[in-house]
Each structure stands twice: as C-alpha cells, then as structure tokens.
Amino acid sequence: MSADATEPRQGGGVTTDDGDNHAVARDAGKEPLGMTEGIRVSGWRTQRLFDEGFIAGVRAEIAPGPVGLAALVMVGVVLDRSTPESFAAFERAVLELKEVLDCNLVAWDFRYLLKIRVKDMADFNKLHGSKLIALRGVRQSRTFFVVKNVKDNARLPL
C-alpha cells in the first residue's frame, strides 16, 4: 500500500488501534485507517472523489440484531394539513428522532414514509405512543412491520 493511502483525508481519520470500533461506526464522515486495505486507491484520488461530490460519506454497515435493533418498521404518516409550513414543521421534528433512519415525502395516501429501527414491537409501541403520534401536525399513521428484509440499502447501479 502506498504511503498516501494510509494518510487520513483532510479533517483527520479514525483509527481502530485502540479497539474502539464504535468510533468507526459513529464517524461516517471520516475515513478510518485500514478501511481501504487491499484496495489500490491513493488518498488524493479518494479526496478528489469527495471534493467533486461523487462520495458523500463513508460509514460502516452495522448489523442491526447484535446492537439490539432487530425490528424494522415502515410508517406512513398523514398530516392534518398540506401546507409548506406543516411539511417544514414535521420535517424538523422528525430529524430529532434517532430511531428514524429514513424519512421520504411521497405521493401516496400518506405524505411521509418513515423507516424505523427498534428493539422489538413493544419498543415501537412506546416510540409510537410517546413520540410519533405526538409530532406536530400528525393526523394519522399506518404501520407496517417488516417480516423479511429481502433487499436493503442496495448500492447505486453504477
């Protein structure tokens, strides 16, 4: 491996020499040393891909089961009003919910589709009762528990 391939990109990097793998998982914006081990890409080429917007970030794919987030739930949300203000208020509020992995505005019977990871159904029930239906502007929600995840977070078809 070339010397520049082991240097962290601008802004630093995260090492796992101290055994802190959680730091790697948390720090999606930094390139951990050794993550590209065996791949012949120099640091300046990787940095150029970041600079030109081809790479938005780097993160580890964490298996949800071992970290206590085995249940995948999709929730369709209907708002009480369809105004730019109500959309903006909902979007700001949902950004604060760490359990929500994805939030998409959709053209359907509901306005937003949320992808949520929780421990189990009881955990989701607590989240739903205390946070989801309490979000400003939420009139109704439709919950879909995922029985089998066939394809998740697929790579872009490049």
Protein backbone atom coordinates (compact mmCIF):
# COMPACT_ATOMS: atom_id res chain seq x y z
CA MET A 1 0.00 0.00 0.00
CA SER A 2 1.36 3.42 -0.89
CA ALA A 3 2.21 5.92 1.84
CA ASP A 4 -0.55 8.33 0.81
CA ALA A 5 -3.20 5.59 1.03
CA THR A 6 -2.64 5.29 4.79
CA GLU A 7 -2.88 9.01 5.49
CA PRO A 8 -6.30 10.24 6.62
CA ARG A 9 -8.11 12.64 4.32
CA GLN A 10 -8.48 16.32 5.18
CA GLY A 11 -10.07 16.66 8.60
CA GLY A 12 -8.42 13.60 10.12
CA GLY A 13 -9.36 9.97 10.39
CA VAL A 14 -10.44 7.41 12.94
CA THR A 15 -8.12 4.63 13.93
CA THR A 16 -9.15 1.33 15.43
CA ASP A 17 -5.77 0.66 17.03
CA ASP A 18 -7.32 1.23 20.47
CA GLY A 19 -10.10 -1.25 19.69
CA ASP A 20 -12.82 1.42 19.62
CA ASN A 21 -14.94 0.08 16.76
CA HIS A 22 -17.90 2.17 17.92
CA ALA A 23 -15.95 5.27 16.95
CA VAL A 24 -15.73 3.94 13.40
CA ALA A 25 -19.47 3.32 13.30
CA ARG A 26 -20.29 6.77 14.69
CA ASP A 27 -17.97 8.73 12.46
CA ALA A 28 -19.49 8.35 8.99
CA GLY A 29 -17.80 11.47 7.65
CA LYS A 30 -14.25 10.33 8.24
CA GLU A 31 -12.31 7.60 6.53
CA PRO A 32 -10.97 5.06 9.07
CA LEU A 33 -7.41 3.94 8.51
CA GLY A 34 -7.23 0.43 7.14
CA MET A 35 -10.77 0.55 5.77
CA THR A 36 -9.41 0.55 2.24
CA GLU A 37 -6.78 -2.07 2.99
CA GLY A 38 -6.08 -4.12 -0.13
CA ILE A 39 -7.69 -1.56 -2.44
CA ARG A 40 -5.21 0.28 -4.63
CA VAL A 41 -6.66 3.79 -4.41
CA SER A 42 -4.40 6.60 -3.38
CA GLY A 43 -5.50 9.12 -0.77
CA TRP A 44 -5.51 12.08 -3.16
CA ARG A 45 -7.78 10.22 -5.61
CA THR A 46 -10.21 9.40 -2.84
CA GLN A 47 -10.11 13.01 -1.64
CA ARG A 48 -10.86 14.18 -5.18
CA LEU A 49 -13.96 11.96 -5.29
CA PHE A 50 -15.12 13.59 -2.03
CA ASP A 51 -14.33 17.08 -3.33
CA GLU A 52 -16.23 16.51 -6.59
CA GLY A 53 -19.29 15.13 -4.81
CA PHE A 54 -19.07 11.51 -6.02
CA ILE A 55 -18.56 10.23 -2.46
CA ALA A 56 -20.92 11.78 0.08
CA GLY A 57 -19.55 9.89 3.09
CA VAL A 58 -18.09 6.65 4.39
CA ARG A 59 -19.73 4.51 7.01
CA ALA A 60 -19.71 1.02 8.38
CA GLU A 61 -22.74 -1.22 7.83
CA ILE A 62 -23.76 -2.25 11.33
CA ALA A 63 -25.77 -5.48 11.71
CA PRO A 64 -28.98 -4.37 13.49
CA GLY A 65 -29.56 -7.55 15.54
CA PRO A 66 -26.34 -7.56 17.60
CA VAL A 67 -26.86 -3.90 18.59
CA GLY A 68 -30.45 -4.50 19.75
CA LEU A 69 -32.32 -3.03 16.78
CA ALA A 70 -33.72 -6.14 15.12
CA ALA A 71 -37.22 -4.83 14.33
CA LEU A 72 -37.66 -2.89 11.09
CA VAL A 73 -40.83 -0.83 10.82
CA MET A 74 -42.16 1.31 7.99
CA VAL A 75 -44.63 4.03 8.96
CA GLY A 76 -46.79 6.07 6.62
CA VAL A 77 -47.69 9.46 8.10
CA VAL A 78 -50.71 11.57 7.18
CA LEU A 79 -50.54 15.23 8.19
CA ASP A 80 -53.55 17.27 9.20
CA ARG A 81 -52.71 19.96 6.61
CA SER A 82 -50.82 20.02 3.31
CA THR A 83 -49.05 23.35 3.59
CA PRO A 84 -45.38 24.23 3.26
CA GLU A 85 -45.38 25.27 6.94
CA SER A 86 -46.82 21.97 8.17
CA PHE A 87 -44.38 19.99 6.00
CA ALA A 88 -41.43 22.02 7.31
CA ALA A 89 -42.55 21.64 10.94
CA PHE A 90 -42.91 17.86 10.56
CA GLU A 91 -39.55 17.52 8.81
CA ARG A 92 -37.78 19.49 11.55
CA ALA A 93 -39.38 17.35 14.24
CA VAL A 94 -38.61 14.01 12.57
CA LEU A 95 -34.94 14.95 12.23
CA GLU A 96 -34.73 14.82 16.03
CA LEU A 97 -35.86 11.16 16.23
CA LYS A 98 -32.77 8.93 16.23
CA GLU A 99 -34.91 5.84 15.60
CA VAL A 100 -35.98 7.18 12.20
CA LEU A 101 -33.39 6.06 9.66
CA ASP A 102 -35.12 7.48 6.58
CA CYS A 103 -37.93 9.95 6.00
CA ASN A 104 -39.27 10.47 2.49
CA LEU A 105 -42.01 12.73 1.18
CA VAL A 106 -44.12 10.50 -1.08
CA ALA A 107 -47.06 10.74 -3.47
CA TRP A 108 -49.44 8.27 -1.84
CA ASP A 109 -52.39 8.12 0.56
CA PHE A 110 -49.94 9.31 3.21
CA ARG A 111 -47.41 12.13 2.83
CA TYR A 112 -44.31 10.70 4.51
CA LEU A 113 -42.81 7.22 4.66
CA LEU A 114 -40.54 6.58 7.64
CA LYS A 115 -38.05 3.73 8.01
CA ILE A 116 -37.55 2.98 11.69
CA ARG A 117 -35.31 0.55 13.61
CA VAL A 118 -36.26 -0.50 17.13
CA LYS A 119 -35.60 -3.40 19.50
CA ASP A 120 -38.99 -5.08 19.15
CA MET A 121 -42.75 -4.45 18.85
CA ALA A 122 -43.01 -3.25 22.45
CA ASP A 123 -40.21 -0.75 21.81
CA PHE A 124 -42.03 0.51 18.71
CA ASN A 125 -45.27 0.79 20.67
CA LYS A 126 -43.52 3.09 23.18
CA LEU A 127 -41.99 5.18 20.38
CA HIS A 128 -45.33 5.42 18.57
CA GLY A 129 -47.30 6.40 21.66
CA SER A 130 -44.82 8.86 23.10
CA LYS A 131 -43.19 10.45 20.05
CA LEU A 132 -44.60 9.63 16.62
CA ILE A 133 -48.26 10.50 17.12
CA ALA A 134 -47.21 13.45 19.28
CA LEU A 135 -45.34 15.09 16.38
CA ARG A 136 -46.90 18.37 15.40
CA GLY A 137 -49.36 18.05 12.53
CA VAL A 138 -49.66 14.25 12.52
CA ARG A 139 -53.27 13.26 11.90
CA GLN A 140 -52.80 9.54 11.27
CA SER A 141 -50.13 6.90 10.85
CA ARG A 142 -50.09 3.50 9.18
CA THR A 143 -47.60 0.97 10.48
CA PHE A 144 -46.03 -1.87 8.51
CA PHE A 145 -43.83 -4.36 10.40
CA VAL A 146 -41.22 -5.86 8.07
CA VAL A 147 -41.38 -9.65 8.19
CA LYS A 148 -38.43 -10.27 5.89
CA ASN A 149 -35.88 -7.82 4.57
CA VAL A 150 -35.19 -9.01 1.02
CA LYS A 151 -33.03 -6.12 -0.19
CA ASP A 152 -31.80 -3.24 1.93
CA ASN A 153 -29.59 -0.26 1.19
CA ALA A 154 -28.50 -1.57 -2.19
CA ARG A 155 -25.54 0.06 -3.88
CA LEU A 156 -26.20 2.54 -6.68
CA PRO A 157 -26.31 0.73 -10.04
CA LEU A 158 -23.13 2.23 -11.48
